[in-house]
């Protein structure tokens, strides 16, 4: 491998890690500020949409 290839791989891995951290932080922020009934209803709707029985 060349130095340029290693630098590109490291850069790509860093961008991926930062993107995942941003998504995770956003999910935590939204879930932390949402009402519990809203979260329950969203989870309930997702279960129905994916075909899982919940009753």
PDB file of N, CA and C in Angstrom:
ATOM      1  N   UNK A   1       0.838  -1.185   0.000  1.00  0.00           N
ATOM      2  CA  UNK A   1       0.000   0.000   0.000  1.00  0.00           C
ATOM      3  C   UNK A   1       0.878   1.241   0.000  1.00  0.00           C
ATOM      4  N   UNK A   2       0.359   2.219  -0.615  1.00  0.00           N
ATOM      5  CA  UNK A   2       1.092   3.474  -0.630  1.00  0.00           C
ATOM      6  C   UNK A   2       0.636   4.356   0.511  1.00  0.00           C
ATOM      7  N   UNK A   3       1.378   5.377   0.771  1.00  0.00           N
ATOM      8  CA  UNK A   3       1.025   6.319   1.831  1.00  0.00           C
ATOM      9  C   UNK A   3      -0.285   7.024   1.515  1.00  0.00           C
ATOM     10  N   UNK A   4      -0.510   7.307   0.248  1.00  0.00           N
ATOM     11  CA  UNK A   4      -1.740   7.992  -0.150  1.00  0.00           C
ATOM     12  C   UNK A   4      -2.960   7.106   0.127  1.00  0.00           C
ATOM     13  N   UNK A   5      -2.831   5.817  -0.121  1.00  0.00           N
ATOM     14  CA  UNK A   5      -3.935   4.892   0.129  1.00  0.00           C
ATOM     15  C   UNK A   5      -4.238   4.809   1.616  1.00  0.00           C
ATOM     16  N   UNK A   6      -3.220   4.730   2.466  1.00  0.00           N
ATOM     17  CA  UNK A   6      -3.419   4.684   3.909  1.00  0.00           C
ATOM     18  C   UNK A   6      -4.070   5.963   4.416  1.00  0.00           C
ATOM     19  N   UNK A   7      -3.643   7.088   3.901  1.00  0.00           N
ATOM     20  CA  UNK A   7      -4.220   8.367   4.316  1.00  0.00           C
ATOM     21  C   UNK A   7      -5.686   8.443   3.907  1.00  0.00           C
ATOM     22  N   UNK A   8      -6.007   7.949   2.732  1.00  0.00           N
ATOM     23  CA  UNK A   8      -7.390   7.952   2.266  1.00  0.00           C
ATOM     24  C   UNK A   8      -8.251   7.042   3.124  1.00  0.00           C
ATOM     25  N   UNK A   9      -7.744   5.876   3.489  1.00  0.00           N
ATOM     26  CA  UNK A   9      -8.493   4.946   4.333  1.00  0.00           C
ATOM     27  C   UNK A   9      -8.714   5.531   5.722  1.00  0.00           C
ATOM     28  N   UNK A  10      -7.706   6.151   6.292  1.00  0.00           N
ATOM     29  CA  UNK A  10      -7.841   6.762   7.614  1.00  0.00           C
ATOM     30  C   UNK A  10      -8.839   7.912   7.578  1.00  0.00           C
ATOM     31  N   UNK A  11      -8.781   8.699   6.516  1.00  0.00           N
ATOM     32  CA  UNK A  11      -9.710   9.816   6.377  1.00  0.00           C
ATOM     33  C   UNK A  11     -11.139   9.315   6.242  1.00  0.00           C
ATOM     34  N   UNK A  12     -11.332   8.280   5.454  1.00  0.00           N
ATOM     35  CA  UNK A  12     -12.658   7.700   5.264  1.00  0.00           C
ATOM     36  C   UNK A  12     -13.187   7.119   6.576  1.00  0.00           C
ATOM     37  N   UNK A  13     -12.340   6.452   7.338  1.00  0.00           N
ATOM     38  CA  UNK A  13     -12.745   5.882   8.621  1.00  0.00           C
ATOM     39  C   UNK A  13     -13.103   6.988   9.614  1.00  0.00           C
ATOM     40  N   UNK A  14     -12.359   8.065   9.607  1.00  0.00           N
ATOM     41  CA  UNK A  14     -12.634   9.180  10.509  1.00  0.00           C
ATOM     42  C   UNK A  14     -13.967   9.848  10.159  1.00  0.00           C
ATOM     43  N   UNK A  15     -14.217  10.041   8.888  1.00  0.00           N
ATOM     44  CA  UNK A  15     -15.487  10.644   8.461  1.00  0.00           C
ATOM     45  C   UNK A  15     -16.648   9.734   8.844  1.00  0.00           C
ATOM     46  N   UNK A  16     -16.494   8.436   8.656  1.00  0.00           N
ATOM     47  CA  UNK A  16     -17.545   7.491   9.023  1.00  0.00           C
ATOM     48  C   UNK A  16     -17.805   7.525  10.522  1.00  0.00           C
ATOM     49  N   UNK A  17     -16.763   7.537  11.319  1.00  0.00           N
ATOM     50  CA  UNK A  17     -16.911   7.565  12.776  1.00  0.00           C
ATOM     51  C   UNK A  17     -17.592   8.862  13.237  1.00  0.00           C
ATOM     52  N   UNK A  18     -17.233   9.969  12.646  1.00  0.00           N
ATOM     53  CA  UNK A  18     -17.855  11.243  13.005  1.00  0.00           C
ATOM     54  C   UNK A  18     -19.332  11.264  12.612  1.00  0.00           C
ATOM     55  N   UNK A  19     -19.660  10.698  11.461  1.00  0.00           N
ATOM     56  CA  UNK A  19     -21.042  10.647  11.011  1.00  0.00           C
ATOM     57  C   UNK A  19     -21.881   9.776  11.948  1.00  0.00           C
ATOM     58  N   UNK A  20     -21.357   8.638  12.341  1.00  0.00           N
ATOM     59  CA  UNK A  20     -22.066   7.747  13.270  1.00  0.00           C
ATOM     60  C   UNK A  20     -22.256   8.438  14.619  1.00  0.00           C
ATOM     61  N   UNK A  21     -21.238   9.132  15.104  1.00  0.00           N
ATOM     62  CA  UNK A  21     -21.346   9.852  16.367  1.00  0.00           C
ATOM     63  C   UNK A  21     -22.405  10.954  16.273  1.00  0.00           C
ATOM     64  N   UNK A  22     -22.474  11.631  15.148  1.00  0.00           N
ATOM     65  CA  UNK A  22     -23.474  12.678  14.949  1.00  0.00           C
ATOM     66  C   UNK A  22     -24.886  12.085  14.958  1.00  0.00           C
ATOM     67  N   UNK A  23     -25.078  10.975  14.281  1.00  0.00           N
ATOM     68  CA  UNK A  23     -26.389  10.322  14.272  1.00  0.00           C
ATOM     69  C   UNK A  23     -26.762   9.863  15.682  1.00  0.00           C
ATOM     70  N   UNK A  24     -25.826   9.245  16.389  1.00  0.00           N
ATOM     71  CA  UNK A  24     -26.093   8.786  17.749  1.00  0.00           C
ATOM     72  C   UNK A  24     -26.434   9.934  18.684  1.00  0.00           C
ATOM     73  N   UNK A  25     -25.697  11.015  18.587  1.00  0.00           N
ATOM     74  CA  UNK A  25     -25.984  12.181  19.415  1.00  0.00           C
ATOM     75  C   UNK A  25     -27.344  12.782  19.112  1.00  0.00           C
ATOM     76  N   UNK A  26     -27.707  12.795  17.852  1.00  0.00           N
ATOM     77  CA  UNK A  26     -29.012  13.310  17.459  1.00  0.00           C
ATOM     78  C   UNK A  26     -30.133  12.442  18.022  1.00  0.00           C
ATOM     79  N   UNK A  27     -29.975  11.128  17.923  1.00  0.00           N
ATOM     80  CA  UNK A  27     -30.990  10.215  18.464  1.00  0.00           C
ATOM     81  C   UNK A  27     -31.142  10.417  19.970  1.00  0.00           C
ATOM     82  N   UNK A  28     -30.029  10.515  20.682  1.00  0.00           N
ATOM     83  CA  UNK A  28     -30.094  10.731  22.132  1.00  0.00           C
ATOM     84  C   UNK A  28     -30.744  12.070  22.474  1.00  0.00           C
ATOM     85  N   UNK A  29     -30.408  13.100  21.728  1.00  0.00           N
ATOM     86  CA  UNK A  29     -30.983  14.421  21.971  1.00  0.00           C
ATOM     87  C   UNK A  29     -32.491  14.409  21.754  1.00  0.00           C
ATOM     88  N   UNK A  30     -32.931  13.835  20.643  1.00  0.00           N
ATOM     89  CA  UNK A  30     -34.360  13.801  20.338  1.00  0.00           C
ATOM     90  C   UNK A  30     -35.100  12.939  21.356  1.00  0.00           C
ATOM     91  N   UNK A  31     -34.555  11.770  21.669  1.00  0.00           N
ATOM     92  CA  UNK A  31     -35.213  10.881  22.631  1.00  0.00           C
ATOM     93  C   UNK A  31     -35.240  11.498  24.026  1.00  0.00           C
ATOM     94  N   UNK A  32     -34.233  12.261  24.359  1.00  0.00           N
ATOM     95  CA  UNK A  32     -34.194  12.892  25.668  1.00  0.00           C
ATOM     96  C   UNK A  32     -35.215  14.003  25.837  1.00  0.00           C
ATOM     97  N   UNK A  33     -35.603  14.633  24.752  1.00  0.00           N
ATOM     98  CA  UNK A  33     -36.535  15.749  24.820  1.00  0.00           C
ATOM     99  C   UNK A  33     -37.957  15.402  24.413  1.00  0.00           C
ATOM    100  N   UNK A  34     -38.169  14.207  23.913  1.00  0.00           N
ATOM    101  CA  UNK A  34     -39.512  13.809  23.483  1.00  0.00           C
ATOM    102  C   UNK A  34     -40.310  13.302  24.683  1.00  0.00           C
ATOM    103  N   UNK A  35     -41.601  13.442  24.616  1.00  0.00           N
ATOM    104  CA  UNK A  35     -42.476  12.908  25.659  1.00  0.00           C
ATOM    105  C   UNK A  35     -42.511  11.389  25.542  1.00  0.00           C
ATOM    106  N   UNK A  36     -42.669  10.693  26.660  1.00  0.00           N
ATOM    107  CA  UNK A  36     -42.652   9.232  26.626  1.00  0.00           C
ATOM    108  C   UNK A  36     -43.798   8.671  25.796  1.00  0.00           C
ATOM    109  N   UNK A  37     -44.942   9.328  25.779  1.00  0.00           N
ATOM    110  CA  UNK A  37     -46.069   8.848  24.975  1.00  0.00           C
ATOM    111  C   UNK A  37     -45.741   8.927  23.481  1.00  0.00           C
ATOM    112  N   UNK A  38     -45.013   9.946  23.079  1.00  0.00           N
ATOM    113  CA  UNK A  38     -44.624  10.087  21.672  1.00  0.00           C
ATOM    114  C   UNK A  38     -43.683   8.960  21.280  1.00  0.00           C
ATOM    115  N   UNK A  39     -42.710   8.656  22.144  1.00  0.00           N
ATOM    116  CA  UNK A  39     -41.775   7.567  21.859  1.00  0.00           C
ATOM    117  C   UNK A  39     -42.500   6.228  21.808  1.00  0.00           C
ATOM    118  N   UNK A  40     -43.434   6.011  22.718  1.00  0.00           N
ATOM    119  CA  UNK A  40     -44.196   4.766  22.733  1.00  0.00           C
ATOM    120  C   UNK A  40     -45.008   4.615  21.448  1.00  0.00           C
ATOM    121  N   UNK A  41     -45.675   5.678  21.048  1.00  0.00           N
ATOM    122  CA  UNK A  41     -46.486   5.621  19.834  1.00  0.00           C
ATOM    123  C   UNK A  41     -45.624   5.378  18.595  1.00  0.00           C
ATOM    124  N   UNK A  42     -44.462   5.989  18.551  1.00  0.00           N
ATOM    125  CA  UNK A  42     -43.565   5.785  17.410  1.00  0.00           C
ATOM    126  C   UNK A  42     -43.088   4.338  17.353  1.00  0.00           C
ATOM    127  N   UNK A  43     -42.698   3.791  18.499  1.00  0.00           N
ATOM    128  CA  UNK A  43     -42.259   2.392  18.534  1.00  0.00           C
ATOM    129  C   UNK A  43     -43.403   1.461  18.164  1.00  0.00           C
ATOM    130  N   UNK A  44     -44.584   1.770  18.636  1.00  0.00           N
ATOM    131  CA  UNK A  44     -45.761   0.953  18.338  1.00  0.00           C
ATOM    132  C   UNK A  44     -46.059   0.967  16.837  1.00  0.00           C
ATOM    133  N   UNK A  45     -45.989   2.125  16.219  1.00  0.00           N
ATOM    134  CA  UNK A  45     -46.242   2.229  14.784  1.00  0.00           C
ATOM    135  C   UNK A  45     -45.184   1.485  13.975  1.00  0.00           C
ATOM    136  N   UNK A  46     -43.944   1.553  14.413  1.00  0.00           N
ATOM    137  CA  UNK A  46     -42.863   0.837  13.712  1.00  0.00           C
ATOM    138  C   UNK A  46     -43.076  -0.664  13.813  1.00  0.00           C
ATOM    139  N   UNK A  47     -43.496  -1.142  14.965  1.00  0.00           N
ATOM    140  CA  UNK A  47     -43.759  -2.587  15.113  1.00  0.00           C
ATOM    141  C   UNK A  47     -44.842  -3.030  14.142  1.00  0.00           C
ATOM    142  N   UNK A  48     -45.908  -2.244  14.015  1.00  0.00           N
ATOM    143  CA  UNK A  48     -46.962  -2.602  13.082  1.00  0.00           C
ATOM    144  C   UNK A  48     -46.478  -2.542  11.623  1.00  0.00           C
ATOM    145  N   UNK A  49     -45.691  -1.533  11.311  1.00  0.00           N
ATOM    146  CA  UNK A  49     -45.204  -1.358   9.928  1.00  0.00           C
ATOM    147  C   UNK A  49     -44.276  -2.491   9.509  1.00  0.00           C
ATOM    148  N   UNK A  50     -43.520  -3.049  10.455  1.00  0.00           N
ATOM    149  CA  UNK A  50     -42.595  -4.127  10.114  1.00  0.00           C
ATOM    150  C   UNK A  50     -43.216  -5.510  10.287  1.00  0.00           C
ATOM    151  N   UNK A  51     -44.459  -5.562  10.742  1.00  0.00           N
ATOM    152  CA  UNK A  51     -45.155  -6.840  10.810  1.00  0.00           C
ATOM    153  C   UNK A  51     -45.026  -7.582  12.108  1.00  0.00           C
ATOM    154  N   UNK A  52     -44.439  -6.983  13.132  1.00  0.00           N
ATOM    155  CA  UNK A  52     -44.345  -7.644  14.443  1.00  0.00           C
ATOM    156  C   UNK A  52     -45.652  -7.487  15.200  1.00  0.00           C
ATOM    157  N   UNK A  53     -46.168  -8.574  15.746  1.00  0.00           N
ATOM    158  CA  UNK A  53     -47.373  -8.426  16.565  1.00  0.00           C
ATOM    159  C   UNK A  53     -47.021  -7.798  17.916  1.00  0.00           C
ATOM    160  N   UNK A  54     -47.904  -6.977  18.418  1.00  0.00           N
ATOM    161  CA  UNK A  54     -47.609  -6.350  19.701  1.00  0.00           C
ATOM    162  C   UNK A  54     -48.811  -6.390  20.643  1.00  0.00           C
ATOM    163  N   UNK A  55     -49.855  -7.061  20.251  1.00  0.00           N
ATOM    164  CA  UNK A  55     -51.036  -7.157  21.106  1.00  0.00           C
ATOM    165  C   UNK A  55     -51.336  -8.603  21.385  1.00  0.00           C
TER     166      UNK A  55
END
